[in-house]
Amino acid sequence: MHALLVIFVWVAIVTVAALAFGIWLMVSIIRWIVRLMLGPGLKQTRIAPPACGTAIRHCGRGGCLAPNPVSARFCRRCGQTFAPPQRVPVQRAAVL
């Protein structure tokens, strides 16, 4: 009776693993076909966040909002142009 239980558990584990692999394989094939149909130009790229301590500004476009360096002229994700940075007059005080 004990051997029958061990065999049943082993068959159940193999069946679940085979089922999971089959689902993964089907999803991978479907994703591959969709990528072929849509073409390589629609692949979304990942952008690394700026390093700590650097000044950033977020894209003003509603769906993008990607972080960009302050010196950037264009958004790194969507390509929208940024307004040039404005100069602000600063008064300096002497420290004695």
PDB file of N, CA and C in Angstrom:
ATOM      1  N   MET A   1       0.816  -1.183   0.000  1.00  0.00           N
ATOM      2  CA  MET A   1       0.000   0.000   0.000  1.00  0.00           C
ATOM      3  C   MET A   1       0.868   1.259   0.000  1.00  0.00           C
ATOM      4  N   HIS A   2       1.982   1.237   0.758  1.00  0.00           N
ATOM      5  CA  HIS A   2       2.888   2.370   0.826  1.00  0.00           C
ATOM      6  C   HIS A   2       3.534   2.631  -0.528  1.00  0.00           C
ATOM      7  N   ALA A   3       3.937   1.595  -1.231  1.00  0.00           N
ATOM      8  CA  ALA A   3       4.562   1.748  -2.545  1.00  0.00           C
ATOM      9  C   ALA A   3       3.565   2.331  -3.547  1.00  0.00           C
ATOM     10  N   LEU A   4       2.316   1.954  -3.454  1.00  0.00           N
ATOM     11  CA  LEU A   4       1.292   2.480  -4.342  1.00  0.00           C
ATOM     12  C   LEU A   4       1.093   3.981  -4.118  1.00  0.00           C
ATOM     13  N   LEU A   5       1.149   4.435  -2.876  1.00  0.00           N
ATOM     14  CA  LEU A   5       1.019   5.852  -2.556  1.00  0.00           C
ATOM     15  C   LEU A   5       2.211   6.635  -3.101  1.00  0.00           C
ATOM     16  N   VAL A   6       3.417   6.090  -2.958  1.00  0.00           N
ATOM     17  CA  VAL A   6       4.620   6.746  -3.470  1.00  0.00           C
ATOM     18  C   VAL A   6       4.539   6.875  -4.995  1.00  0.00           C
ATOM     19  N   ILE A   7       4.120   5.830  -5.667  1.00  0.00           N
ATOM     20  CA  ILE A   7       3.990   5.871  -7.125  1.00  0.00           C
ATOM     21  C   ILE A   7       2.936   6.897  -7.535  1.00  0.00           C
ATOM     22  N   PHE A   8       1.808   6.948  -6.824  1.00  0.00           N
ATOM     23  CA  PHE A   8       0.757   7.912  -7.135  1.00  0.00           C
ATOM     24  C   PHE A   8       1.263   9.347  -6.973  1.00  0.00           C
ATOM     25  N   VAL A   9       1.991   9.638  -5.898  1.00  0.00           N
ATOM     26  CA  VAL A   9       2.529  10.985  -5.669  1.00  0.00           C
ATOM     27  C   VAL A   9       3.545  11.329  -6.746  1.00  0.00           C
ATOM     28  N   TRP A  10       4.393  10.383  -7.098  1.00  0.00           N
ATOM     29  CA  TRP A  10       5.397  10.614  -8.139  1.00  0.00           C
ATOM     30  C   TRP A  10       4.728  10.916  -9.480  1.00  0.00           C
ATOM     31  N   VAL A  11       3.724  10.175  -9.843  1.00  0.00           N
ATOM     32  CA  VAL A  11       3.001  10.399 -11.099  1.00  0.00           C
ATOM     33  C   VAL A  11       2.296  11.761 -11.069  1.00  0.00           C
ATOM     34  N   ALA A  12       1.746  12.127  -9.927  1.00  0.00           N
ATOM     35  CA  ALA A  12       1.085  13.431  -9.808  1.00  0.00           C
ATOM     36  C   ALA A  12       2.082  14.571  -9.982  1.00  0.00           C
ATOM     37  N   ILE A  13       3.255  14.449  -9.390  1.00  0.00           N
ATOM     38  CA  ILE A  13       4.282  15.491  -9.511  1.00  0.00           C
ATOM     39  C   ILE A  13       4.749  15.605 -10.952  1.00  0.00           C
ATOM     40  N   VAL A  14       4.996  14.484 -11.606  1.00  0.00           N
ATOM     41  CA  VAL A  14       5.431  14.501 -13.005  1.00  0.00           C
ATOM     42  C   VAL A  14       4.348  15.104 -13.891  1.00  0.00           C
ATOM     43  N   THR A  15       3.091  14.792 -13.620  1.00  0.00           N
ATOM     44  CA  THR A  15       1.986  15.328 -14.410  1.00  0.00           C
ATOM     45  C   THR A  15       1.870  16.840 -14.249  1.00  0.00           C
ATOM     46  N   VAL A  16       1.977  17.333 -13.032  1.00  0.00           N
ATOM     47  CA  VAL A  16       1.903  18.775 -12.792  1.00  0.00           C
ATOM     48  C   VAL A  16       3.082  19.484 -13.460  1.00  0.00           C
ATOM     49  N   ALA A  17       4.274  18.910 -13.362  1.00  0.00           N
ATOM     50  CA  ALA A  17       5.448  19.517 -13.997  1.00  0.00           C
ATOM     51  C   ALA A  17       5.291  19.537 -15.517  1.00  0.00           C
ATOM     52  N   ALA A  18       4.794  18.451 -16.092  1.00  0.00           N
ATOM     53  CA  ALA A  18       4.591  18.398 -17.539  1.00  0.00           C
ATOM     54  C   ALA A  18       3.532  19.406 -17.969  1.00  0.00           C
ATOM     55  N   LEU A  19       2.484  19.562 -17.185  1.00  0.00           N
ATOM     56  CA  LEU A  19       1.438  20.524 -17.491  1.00  0.00           C
ATOM     57  C   LEU A  19       1.983  21.953 -17.428  1.00  0.00           C
ATOM     58  N   ALA A  20       2.771  22.265 -16.409  1.00  0.00           N
ATOM     59  CA  ALA A  20       3.368  23.600 -16.285  1.00  0.00           C
ATOM     60  C   ALA A  20       4.312  23.874 -17.451  1.00  0.00           C
ATOM     61  N   PHE A  21       5.111  22.890 -17.830  1.00  0.00           N
ATOM     62  CA  PHE A  21       6.017  23.063 -18.960  1.00  0.00           C
ATOM     63  C   PHE A  21       5.231  23.274 -20.254  1.00  0.00           C
ATOM     64  N   GLY A  22       4.157  22.538 -20.440  1.00  0.00           N
ATOM     65  CA  GLY A  22       3.338  22.684 -21.646  1.00  0.00           C
ATOM     66  C   GLY A  22       2.723  24.067 -21.747  1.00  0.00           C
ATOM     67  N   ILE A  23       2.220  24.586 -20.629  1.00  0.00           N
ATOM     68  CA  ILE A  23       1.649  25.930 -20.632  1.00  0.00           C
ATOM     69  C   ILE A  23       2.727  26.962 -20.927  1.00  0.00           C
ATOM     70  N   TRP A  24       3.877  26.831 -20.310  1.00  0.00           N
ATOM     71  CA  TRP A  24       4.985  27.748 -20.564  1.00  0.00           C
ATOM     72  C   TRP A  24       5.391  27.714 -22.030  1.00  0.00           C
ATOM     73  N   LEU A  25       5.461  26.526 -22.613  1.00  0.00           N
ATOM     74  CA  LEU A  25       5.847  26.383 -24.010  1.00  0.00           C
ATOM     75  C   LEU A  25       4.819  27.035 -24.931  1.00  0.00           C
ATOM     76  N   MET A  26       3.539  26.845 -24.658  1.00  0.00           N
ATOM     77  CA  MET A  26       2.490  27.450 -25.487  1.00  0.00           C
ATOM     78  C   MET A  26       2.541  28.979 -25.402  1.00  0.00           C
ATOM     79  N   VAL A  27       2.713  29.516 -24.204  1.00  0.00           N
ATOM     80  CA  VAL A  27       2.786  30.964 -24.048  1.00  0.00           C
ATOM     81  C   VAL A  27       4.015  31.511 -24.766  1.00  0.00           C
ATOM     82  N   SER A  28       5.141  30.834 -24.685  1.00  0.00           N
ATOM     83  CA  SER A  28       6.356  31.280 -25.362  1.00  0.00           C
ATOM     84  C   SER A  28       6.170  31.283 -26.873  1.00  0.00           C
ATOM     85  N   ILE A  29       5.536  30.264 -27.410  1.00  0.00           N
ATOM     86  CA  ILE A  29       5.304  30.189 -28.857  1.00  0.00           C
ATOM     87  C   ILE A  29       4.353  31.304 -29.288  1.00  0.00           C
ATOM     88  N   ILE A  30       3.310  31.550 -28.523  1.00  0.00           N
ATOM     89  CA  ILE A  30       2.362  32.613 -28.867  1.00  0.00           C
ATOM     90  C   ILE A  30       3.048  33.974 -28.827  1.00  0.00           C
ATOM     91  N   ARG A  31       3.862  34.223 -27.812  1.00  0.00           N
ATOM     92  CA  ARG A  31       4.598  35.485 -27.734  1.00  0.00           C
ATOM     93  C   ARG A  31       5.550  35.641 -28.910  1.00  0.00           C
ATOM     94  N   TRP A  32       6.212  34.575 -29.316  1.00  0.00           N
ATOM     95  CA  TRP A  32       7.131  34.614 -30.444  1.00  0.00           C
ATOM     96  C   TRP A  32       6.378  34.960 -31.724  1.00  0.00           C
ATOM     97  N   ILE A  33       5.209  34.355 -31.927  1.00  0.00           N
ATOM     98  CA  ILE A  33       4.410  34.627 -33.125  1.00  0.00           C
ATOM     99  C   ILE A  33       3.930  36.077 -33.119  1.00  0.00           C
ATOM    100  N   VAL A  34       3.489  36.579 -31.972  1.00  0.00           N
ATOM    101  CA  VAL A  34       3.039  37.967 -31.895  1.00  0.00           C
ATOM    102  C   VAL A  34       4.189  38.917 -32.195  1.00  0.00           C
ATOM    103  N   ARG A  35       5.366  38.641 -31.688  1.00  0.00           N
ATOM    104  CA  ARG A  35       6.526  39.487 -31.980  1.00  0.00           C
ATOM    105  C   ARG A  35       6.861  39.472 -33.457  1.00  0.00           C
ATOM    106  N   LEU A  36       6.742  38.324 -34.098  1.00  0.00           N
ATOM    107  CA  LEU A  36       6.998  38.264 -35.534  1.00  0.00           C
ATOM    108  C   LEU A  36       5.969  39.076 -36.308  1.00  0.00           C
ATOM    109  N   MET A  37       4.708  39.037 -35.889  1.00  0.00           N
ATOM    110  CA  MET A  37       3.663  39.764 -36.591  1.00  0.00           C
ATOM    111  C   MET A  37       3.769  41.270 -36.370  1.00  0.00           C
ATOM    112  N   LEU A  38       4.124  41.707 -35.169  1.00  0.00           N
ATOM    113  CA  LEU A  38       4.209  43.137 -34.883  1.00  0.00           C
ATOM    114  C   LEU A  38       5.497  43.764 -35.392  1.00  0.00           C
ATOM    115  N   GLY A  39       6.533  42.997 -35.528  1.00  0.00           N
ATOM    116  CA  GLY A  39       7.798  43.517 -36.024  1.00  0.00           C
ATOM    117  C   GLY A  39       8.704  43.966 -34.901  1.00  0.00           C
ATOM    118  N   PRO A  40       9.990  44.153 -35.200  1.00  0.00           N
ATOM    119  CA  PRO A  40      10.951  44.516 -34.162  1.00  0.00           C
ATOM    120  C   PRO A  40      10.837  45.964 -33.707  1.00  0.00           C
ATOM    121  N   GLY A  41      10.192  46.828 -34.487  1.00  0.00           N
ATOM    122  CA  GLY A  41      10.125  48.235 -34.128  1.00  0.00           C
ATOM    123  C   GLY A  41       9.243  48.523 -32.932  1.00  0.00           C
ATOM    124  N   LEU A  42       8.377  47.605 -32.549  1.00  0.00           N
ATOM    125  CA  LEU A  42       7.458  47.851 -31.455  1.00  0.00           C
ATOM    126  C   LEU A  42       7.924  47.262 -30.133  1.00  0.00           C
ATOM    127  N   LYS A  43       9.147  46.795 -30.097  1.00  0.00           N
ATOM    128  CA  LYS A  43       9.657  46.217 -28.859  1.00  0.00           C
ATOM    129  C   LYS A  43       9.939  47.338 -27.857  1.00  0.00           C
ATOM    130  N   GLN A  44       9.467  47.170 -26.642  1.00  0.00           N
ATOM    131  CA  GLN A  44       9.654  48.187 -25.620  1.00  0.00           C
ATOM    132  C   GLN A  44      11.027  48.023 -24.988  1.00  0.00           C
ATOM    133  N   THR A  45      11.742  49.121 -24.875  1.00  0.00           N
ATOM    134  CA  THR A  45      13.078  49.085 -24.301  1.00  0.00           C
ATOM    135  C   THR A  45      13.020  49.519 -22.846  1.00  0.00           C
ATOM    136  N   ARG A  46      13.917  48.990 -22.078  1.00  0.00           N
ATOM    137  CA  ARG A  46      14.011  49.363 -20.669  1.00  0.00           C
ATOM    138  C   ARG A  46      15.106  50.403 -20.526  1.00  0.00           C
ATOM    139  N   ILE A  47      14.842  51.397 -19.709  1.00  0.00           N
ATOM    140  CA  ILE A  47      15.799  52.469 -19.490  1.00  0.00           C
ATOM    141  C   ILE A  47      16.259  52.405 -18.049  1.00  0.00           C
ATOM    142  N   ALA A  48      17.563  52.412 -17.879  1.00  0.00           N
ATOM    143  CA  ALA A  48      18.118  52.365 -16.532  1.00  0.00           C
ATOM    144  C   ALA A  48      17.859  53.693 -15.833  1.00  0.00           C
ATOM    145  N   PRO A  49      17.490  53.659 -14.564  1.00  0.00           N
ATOM    146  CA  PRO A  49      17.264  54.910 -13.841  1.00  0.00           C
ATOM    147  C   PRO A  49      18.584  55.657 -13.659  1.00  0.00           C
ATOM    148  N   PRO A  50      18.526  56.968 -13.554  1.00  0.00           N
ATOM    149  CA  PRO A  50      19.767  57.725 -13.379  1.00  0.00           C
ATOM    150  C   PRO A  50      20.438  57.388 -12.049  1.00  0.00           C
ATOM    151  N   ALA A  51      21.737  57.609 -12.001  1.00  0.00           N
ATOM    152  CA  ALA A  51      22.506  57.306 -10.791  1.00  0.00           C
ATOM    153  C   ALA A  51      22.063  58.215  -9.649  1.00  0.00           C
ATOM    154  N   CYS A  52      22.285  57.769  -8.431  1.00  0.00           N
ATOM    155  CA  CYS A  52      21.900  58.549  -7.256  1.00  0.00           C
ATOM    156  C   CYS A  52      22.681  59.849  -7.224  1.00  0.00           C
ATOM    157  N   GLY A  53      22.023  60.899  -6.829  1.00  0.00           N
ATOM    158  CA  GLY A  53      22.692  62.177  -6.696  1.00  0.00           C
ATOM    159  C   GLY A  53      22.603  63.036  -7.944  1.00  0.00           C
ATOM    160  N   THR A  54      22.210  62.495  -9.094  1.00  0.00           N
ATOM    161  CA  THR A  54      22.093  63.301 -10.304  1.00  0.00           C
ATOM    162  C   THR A  54      20.708  63.923 -10.344  1.00  0.00           C
ATOM    163  N   ALA A  55      20.662  65.133 -10.872  1.00  0.00           N
ATOM    164  CA  ALA A  55      19.385  65.832 -10.979  1.00  0.00           C
ATOM    165  C   ALA A  55      18.596  65.237 -12.140  1.00  0.00           C
ATOM    166  N   ILE A  56      17.327  65.001 -11.902  1.00  0.00           N
ATOM    167  CA  ILE A  56      16.493  64.414 -12.941  1.00  0.00           C
ATOM    168  C   ILE A  56      15.235  65.258 -13.115  1.00  0.00           C
ATOM    169  N   ARG A  57      14.633  65.139 -14.293  1.00  0.00           N
ATOM    170  CA  ARG A  57      13.309  65.694 -14.533  1.00  0.00           C
ATOM    171  C   ARG A  57      12.503  64.644 -15.269  1.00  0.00           C
ATOM    172  N   HIS A  58      11.233  64.610 -14.987  1.00  0.00           N
ATOM    173  CA  HIS A  58      10.367  63.617 -15.595  1.00  0.00           C
ATOM    174  C   HIS A  58       9.742  64.186 -16.851  1.00  0.00           C
ATOM    175  N   CYS A  59       9.517  63.318 -17.802  1.00  0.00           N
ATOM    176  CA  CYS A  59       8.886  63.703 -19.059  1.00  0.00           C
ATOM    177  C   CYS A  59       7.479  64.212 -18.760  1.00  0.00           C
ATOM    178  N   GLY A  60       7.075  65.259 -19.449  1.00  0.00           N
ATOM    179  CA  GLY A  60       5.770  65.851 -19.216  1.00  0.00           C
ATOM    180  C   GLY A  60       4.644  65.162 -19.963  1.00  0.00           C
ATOM    181  N   ARG A  61       4.974  64.224 -20.825  1.00  0.00           N
ATOM    182  CA  ARG A  61       3.944  63.527 -21.591  1.00  0.00           C
ATOM    183  C   ARG A  61       3.173  62.598 -20.660  1.00  0.00           C
ATOM    184  N   GLY A  62       1.859  62.586 -20.782  1.00  0.00           N
ATOM    185  CA  GLY A  62       0.994  61.866 -19.852  1.00  0.00           C
ATOM    186  C   GLY A  62       1.306  60.389 -19.708  1.00  0.00           C
ATOM    187  N   GLY A  63       1.527  59.651 -20.780  1.00  0.00           N
ATOM    188  CA  GLY A  63       1.726  58.218 -20.682  1.00  0.00           C
ATOM    189  C   GLY A  63       3.159  57.814 -20.441  1.00  0.00           C
ATOM    190  N   CYS A  64       4.083  58.752 -20.511  1.00  0.00           N
ATOM    191  CA  CYS A  64       5.508  58.392 -20.420  1.00  0.00           C
ATOM    192  C   CYS A  64       6.043  58.587 -18.995  1.00  0.00           C
ATOM    193  N   LEU A  65       6.196  59.822 -18.583  1.00  0.00           N
ATOM    194  CA  LEU A  65       6.705  60.186 -17.251  1.00  0.00           C
ATOM    195  C   LEU A  65       8.045  59.530 -16.917  1.00  0.00           C
ATOM    196  N   ALA A  66       8.895  59.332 -17.935  1.00  0.00           N
ATOM    197  CA  ALA A  66      10.195  58.685 -17.728  1.00  0.00           C
ATOM    198  C   ALA A  66      11.173  59.653 -17.074  1.00  0.00           C
ATOM    199  N   PRO A  67      12.037  59.160 -16.180  1.00  0.00           N
ATOM    200  CA  PRO A  67      13.060  60.032 -15.591  1.00  0.00           C
ATOM    201  C   PRO A  67      14.167  60.296 -16.602  1.00  0.00           C
ATOM    202  N   ASN A  68      14.592  61.547 -16.714  1.00  0.00           N
ATOM    203  CA  ASN A  68      15.643  61.967 -17.633  1.00  0.00           C
ATOM    204  C   ASN A  68      16.602  62.887 -16.900  1.00  0.00           C
ATOM    205  N   PRO A  69      17.868  62.948 -17.343  1.00  0.00           N
ATOM    206  CA  PRO A  69      18.782  63.918 -16.741  1.00  0.00           C
ATOM    207  C   PRO A  69      18.326  65.339 -17.076  1.00  0.00           C
ATOM    208  N   VAL A  70      18.685  66.303 -16.241  1.00  0.00           N
ATOM    209  CA  VAL A  70      18.273  67.677 -16.451  1.00  0.00           C
ATOM    210  C   VAL A  70      18.852  68.213 -17.762  1.00  0.00           C
ATOM    211  N   SER A  71      20.012  67.756 -18.151  1.00  0.00           N
ATOM    212  CA  SER A  71      20.654  68.264 -19.371  1.00  0.00           C
ATOM    213  C   SER A  71      20.091  67.671 -20.657  1.00  0.00           C
ATOM    214  N   ALA A  72      19.155  66.746 -20.567  1.00  0.00           N
ATOM    215  CA  ALA A  72      18.622  66.085 -21.764  1.00  0.00           C
ATOM    216  C   ALA A  72      17.773  67.047 -22.579  1.00  0.00           C
ATOM    217  N   ARG A  73      17.894  66.943 -23.904  1.00  0.00           N
ATOM    218  CA  ARG A  73      17.075  67.759 -24.805  1.00  0.00           C
ATOM    219  C   ARG A  73      15.830  67.006 -25.248  1.00  0.00           C
ATOM    220  N   PHE A  74      15.884  65.662 -25.182  1.00  0.00           N
ATOM    221  CA  PHE A  74      14.775  64.822 -25.591  1.00  0.00           C
ATOM    222  C   PHE A  74      14.546  63.754 -24.526  1.00  0.00           C
ATOM    223  N   CYS A  75      13.317  63.274 -24.436  1.00  0.00           N
ATOM    224  CA  CYS A  75      13.002  62.188 -23.514  1.00  0.00           C
ATOM    225  C   CYS A  75      13.667  60.914 -24.017  1.00  0.00           C
ATOM    226  N   ARG A  76      14.273  60.161 -23.119  1.00  0.00           N
ATOM    227  CA  ARG A  76      14.958  58.929 -23.511  1.00  0.00           C
ATOM    228  C   ARG A  76      13.989  57.828 -23.894  1.00  0.00           C
ATOM    229  N   ARG A  77      12.743  57.881 -23.456  1.00  0.00           N
ATOM    230  CA  ARG A  77      11.783  56.831 -23.766  1.00  0.00           C
ATOM    231  C   ARG A  77      10.912  57.184 -24.969  1.00  0.00           C
ATOM    232  N   CYS A  78      10.277  58.352 -24.965  1.00  0.00           N
ATOM    233  CA  CYS A  78       9.303  58.654 -26.022  1.00  0.00           C
ATOM    234  C   CYS A  78       9.828  59.632 -27.060  1.00  0.00           C
ATOM    235  N   GLY A  79      10.905  60.362 -26.787  1.00  0.00           N
ATOM    236  CA  GLY A  79      11.499  61.266 -27.773  1.00  0.00           C
ATOM    237  C   GLY A  79      10.927  62.665 -27.775  1.00  0.00           C
ATOM    238  N   GLN A  80      10.044  62.987 -26.857  1.00  0.00           N
ATOM    239  CA  GLN A  80       9.469  64.333 -26.816  1.00  0.00           C
ATOM    240  C   GLN A  80      10.558  65.333 -26.467  1.00  0.00           C
ATOM    241  N   THR A  81      10.517  66.509 -27.132  1.00  0.00           N
ATOM    242  CA  THR A  81      11.529  67.528 -26.861  1.00  0.00           C
ATOM    243  C   THR A  81      11.200  68.246 -25.558  1.00  0.00           C
ATOM    244  N   PHE A  82      12.262  68.644 -24.855  1.00  0.00           N
ATOM    245  CA  PHE A  82      12.117  69.404 -23.624  1.00  0.00           C
ATOM    246  C   PHE A  82      12.408  70.868 -23.918  1.00  0.00           C
ATOM    247  N   ALA A  83      11.779  71.735 -23.160  1.00  0.00           N
ATOM    248  CA  ALA A  83      12.095  73.159 -23.261  1.00  0.00           C
ATOM    249  C   ALA A  83      13.509  73.356 -22.723  1.00  0.00           C
ATOM    250  N   PRO A  84      14.259  74.267 -23.336  1.00  0.00           N
ATOM    251  CA  PRO A  84      15.622  74.478 -22.823  1.00  0.00           C
ATOM    252  C   PRO A  84      15.573  74.993 -21.390  1.00  0.00           C
ATOM    253  N   PRO A  85      16.573  74.624 -20.585  1.00  0.00           N
ATOM    254  CA  PRO A  85      16.566  75.081 -19.191  1.00  0.00           C
ATOM    255  C   PRO A  85      16.659  76.606 -19.126  1.00  0.00           C
ATOM    256  N   GLN A  86      15.933  77.219 -18.226  1.00  0.00           N
ATOM    257  CA  GLN A  86      15.932  78.671 -18.096  1.00  0.00           C
ATOM    258  C   GLN A  86      17.000  79.099 -17.103  1.00  0.00           C
ATOM    259  N   ARG A  87      17.625  80.194 -17.433  1.00  0.00           N
ATOM    260  CA  ARG A  87      18.649  80.740 -16.540  1.00  0.00           C
ATOM    261  C   ARG A  87      17.966  81.569 -15.456  1.00  0.00           C
ATOM    262  N   VAL A  88      18.400  81.349 -14.250  1.00  0.00           N
ATOM    263  CA  VAL A  88      17.851  82.081 -13.111  1.00  0.00           C
ATOM    264  C   VAL A  88      18.981  82.904 -12.506  1.00  0.00           C
ATOM    265  N   PRO A  89      18.786  84.226 -12.387  1.00  0.00           N
ATOM    266  CA  PRO A  89      19.855  85.031 -11.786  1.00  0.00           C
ATOM    267  C   PRO A  89      20.007  84.685 -10.291  1.00  0.00           C
ATOM    268  N   VAL A  90      21.232  84.538  -9.902  1.00  0.00           N
ATOM    269  CA  VAL A  90      21.525  84.168  -8.520  1.00  0.00           C
ATOM    270  C   VAL A  90      22.411  85.246  -7.899  1.00  0.00           C
ATOM    271  N   GLN A  91      22.025  85.719  -6.753  1.00  0.00           N
ATOM    272  CA  GLN A  91      22.854  86.690  -6.046  1.00  0.00           C
ATOM    273  C   GLN A  91      23.698  85.937  -5.036  1.00  0.00           C
ATOM    274  N   ARG A  92      24.962  86.198  -5.070  1.00  0.00           N
ATOM    275  CA  ARG A  92      25.875  85.513  -4.154  1.00  0.00           C
ATOM    276  C   ARG A  92      26.265  86.472  -3.036  1.00  0.00           C
ATOM    277  N   ALA A  93      26.330  85.937  -1.890  1.00  0.00           N
ATOM    278  CA  ALA A  93      26.731  86.745  -0.733  1.00  0.00           C
ATOM    279  C   ALA A  93      28.128  86.334  -0.309  1.00  0.00           C
ATOM    280  N   ALA A  94      28.893  87.285   0.090  1.00  0.00           N
ATOM    281  CA  ALA A  94      30.248  86.990   0.544  1.00  0.00           C
ATOM    282  C   ALA A  94      30.202  86.441   1.965  1.00  0.00           C
ATOM    283  N   VAL A  95      31.024  85.436   2.230  1.00  0.00           N
ATOM    284  CA  VAL A  95      31.094  84.840   3.545  1.00  0.00           C
ATOM    285  C   VAL A  95      32.449  85.191   4.149  1.00  0.00           C
ATOM    286  N   LEU A  96      32.428  85.813   5.314  1.00  0.00           N
ATOM    287  CA  LEU A  96      33.686  86.219   5.964  1.00  0.00           C
ATOM    288  C   LEU A  96      34.067  85.294   7.068  1.00  0.00           C
TER     289      LEU A  96
END
